[in-house]
C-alpha cells in the first residue's frame, strides 16, 4: 500500500504503492496523518500503483488542505500515474487531456507545480 521514508527530521518522503482504493483509504489516512507529525515538508510519490479510485482522490484533497492549514509544503513528485490524472478528470476536478489539463480545485494545483 505505501512505504514511508524520512529524508530529514522535518521532511518526509511518502511513497504510495499498489492499490489506492476504498479498501485501503482508512489506513492510508492514518499513516499520512502520522507522517505529518513534526514535518515541515512532504513529498508524495507514486511507485508501482495498480489502481486508484475516487476515495483516494478525496483523501488526497483532504490531506492537501490539512497540509495547507498546517503550513506544510507538499510536493507531488512526477511522474504521476495515468490512473491518478484519469480519476481527477473523471471526477470533475480537472478537464482536458494530459498535455492541456485545466483543474478547478485547489488540491489539483499541485499537478502543475514543478518538483
Protein backbone atom coordinates (compact mmCIF):
# COMPACT_ATOMS: atom_id res chain seq x y z
CA UNK A 1 0.00 0.00 0.00
CA UNK A 2 2.69 2.52 0.95
CA UNK A 3 6.21 2.90 2.19
CA UNK A 4 7.39 5.96 4.13
CA UNK A 5 10.98 7.09 4.37
CA UNK A 6 12.19 10.14 6.26
CA UNK A 7 14.83 12.11 4.39
CA UNK A 8 15.46 14.70 7.13
CA UNK A 9 13.92 15.05 10.53
CA UNK A 10 11.47 17.71 9.30
CA UNK A 11 10.97 16.33 5.76
CA UNK A 12 9.03 13.18 4.83
CA UNK A 13 9.06 11.27 1.56
CA UNK A 14 5.82 9.28 1.40
CA UNK A 15 5.64 6.62 -1.32
CA UNK A 16 2.28 5.22 -2.45
CA UNK A 17 2.23 1.71 -3.92
CA UNK A 18 -0.21 -0.88 -5.24
CA UNK A 19 -3.95 -0.28 -4.69
CA UNK A 20 -5.05 3.20 -3.62
CA UNK A 21 -8.71 2.33 -3.22
CA UNK A 22 -11.61 2.39 -0.77
CA UNK A 23 -10.33 -0.78 0.92
CA UNK A 24 -7.10 0.97 1.91
CA UNK A 25 -8.07 4.60 2.30
CA UNK A 26 -8.75 4.47 6.06
CA UNK A 27 -5.29 3.05 6.79
CA UNK A 28 -3.68 5.48 4.35
CA UNK A 29 -5.39 8.36 6.13
CA UNK A 30 -3.95 7.28 9.49
CA UNK A 31 -0.48 6.76 8.00
CA UNK A 32 -0.49 10.16 6.27
CA UNK A 33 -1.54 11.98 9.44
CA UNK A 34 1.09 10.12 11.48
CA UNK A 35 3.73 11.04 8.90
CA UNK A 36 2.89 14.74 9.33
CA UNK A 37 3.99 14.76 12.94
CA UNK A 38 6.86 17.22 13.13
CA UNK A 39 7.12 17.60 9.34
CA UNK A 40 7.65 20.96 7.65
CA UNK A 41 7.61 19.49 4.15
CA UNK A 42 6.45 16.31 2.50
CA UNK A 43 6.90 14.70 -0.91
CA UNK A 44 4.21 12.36 -2.21
CA UNK A 45 5.49 9.83 -4.71
CA UNK A 46 3.78 7.03 -6.64
CA UNK A 47 5.55 3.75 -7.48
CA UNK A 48 4.07 0.58 -8.92
CA UNK A 49 0.50 1.85 -8.44
CA UNK A 50 -2.00 -0.70 -9.72
CA UNK A 51 -5.29 1.08 -9.09
CA UNK A 52 -6.66 4.42 -7.87
CA UNK A 53 -10.29 5.23 -7.18
CA UNK A 54 -12.27 8.30 -6.17
CA UNK A 55 -11.92 7.58 -2.44
CA UNK A 56 -8.16 8.08 -2.77
CA UNK A 57 -8.65 11.38 -4.62
CA UNK A 58 -10.95 12.56 -1.83
CA UNK A 59 -8.32 11.54 0.73
CA UNK A 60 -5.61 13.32 -1.25
CA UNK A 61 -7.66 16.56 -1.47
CA UNK A 62 -8.48 16.45 2.22
CA UNK A 63 -4.82 15.81 3.07
CA UNK A 64 -3.74 18.65 0.77
CA UNK A 65 -6.00 21.06 2.71
CA UNK A 66 -4.65 19.74 6.03
CA UNK A 67 -1.08 20.47 4.94
CA UNK A 68 -2.11 23.97 3.82
CA UNK A 69 -3.73 24.69 7.20
CA UNK A 70 -0.57 23.49 9.00
CA UNK A 71 1.78 25.41 6.64
CA UNK A 72 3.46 22.20 5.49
CA UNK A 73 4.94 22.30 1.98
CA UNK A 74 3.50 19.43 -0.05
CA UNK A 75 5.03 18.30 -3.35
CA UNK A 76 3.70 15.70 -5.79
CA UNK A 77 6.72 14.02 -7.34
CA UNK A 78 6.50 13.38 -11.07
CA UNK A 79 5.70 11.27 -12.97
CA UNK A 80 2.15 10.84 -11.76
CA UNK A 81 0.37 7.60 -12.58
CA UNK A 82 -2.01 7.91 -15.52
CA UNK A 83 -4.72 6.49 -13.26
CA UNK A 84 -4.36 9.47 -10.88
CA UNK A 85 -4.89 12.03 -13.65
CA UNK A 86 -7.72 9.95 -15.15
CA UNK A 87 -9.63 9.82 -11.87
CA UNK A 88 -9.11 13.58 -11.39
CA UNK A 89 -10.68 14.14 -14.83
CA UNK A 90 -13.45 11.55 -14.39
CA UNK A 91 -14.41 13.04 -11.00
CA UNK A 92 -14.63 16.54 -12.46
CA UNK A 93 -11.65 18.03 -10.61
CA UNK A 94 -9.90 18.58 -13.95
CA UNK A 95 -10.82 18.64 -17.61
CA UNK A 96 -8.92 18.30 -20.84
CA UNK A 97 -6.09 15.97 -21.69
CA UNK A 98 -2.74 15.38 -20.02
CA UNK A 99 -1.00 17.89 -22.28
CA UNK A 100 -3.70 20.55 -21.82
CA UNK A 101 -5.18 19.87 -18.38
CA UNK A 102 -7.19 22.52 -16.53
CA UNK A 103 -8.16 21.94 -12.91
CA UNK A 104 -10.85 23.65 -10.86
CA UNK A 105 -9.89 22.64 -7.34
CA UNK A 106 -7.03 23.87 -5.19
CA UNK A 107 -5.91 20.29 -4.48
CA UNK A 108 -5.34 19.83 -8.21
CA UNK A 109 -2.93 22.76 -8.33
CA UNK A 110 -0.03 20.51 -7.38
CA UNK A 111 -0.43 18.68 -10.68
CA UNK A 112 1.18 21.66 -12.39
CA UNK A 113 3.93 22.60 -9.94
CA UNK A 114 7.43 21.59 -10.85
CA UNK A 115 9.06 19.31 -8.31
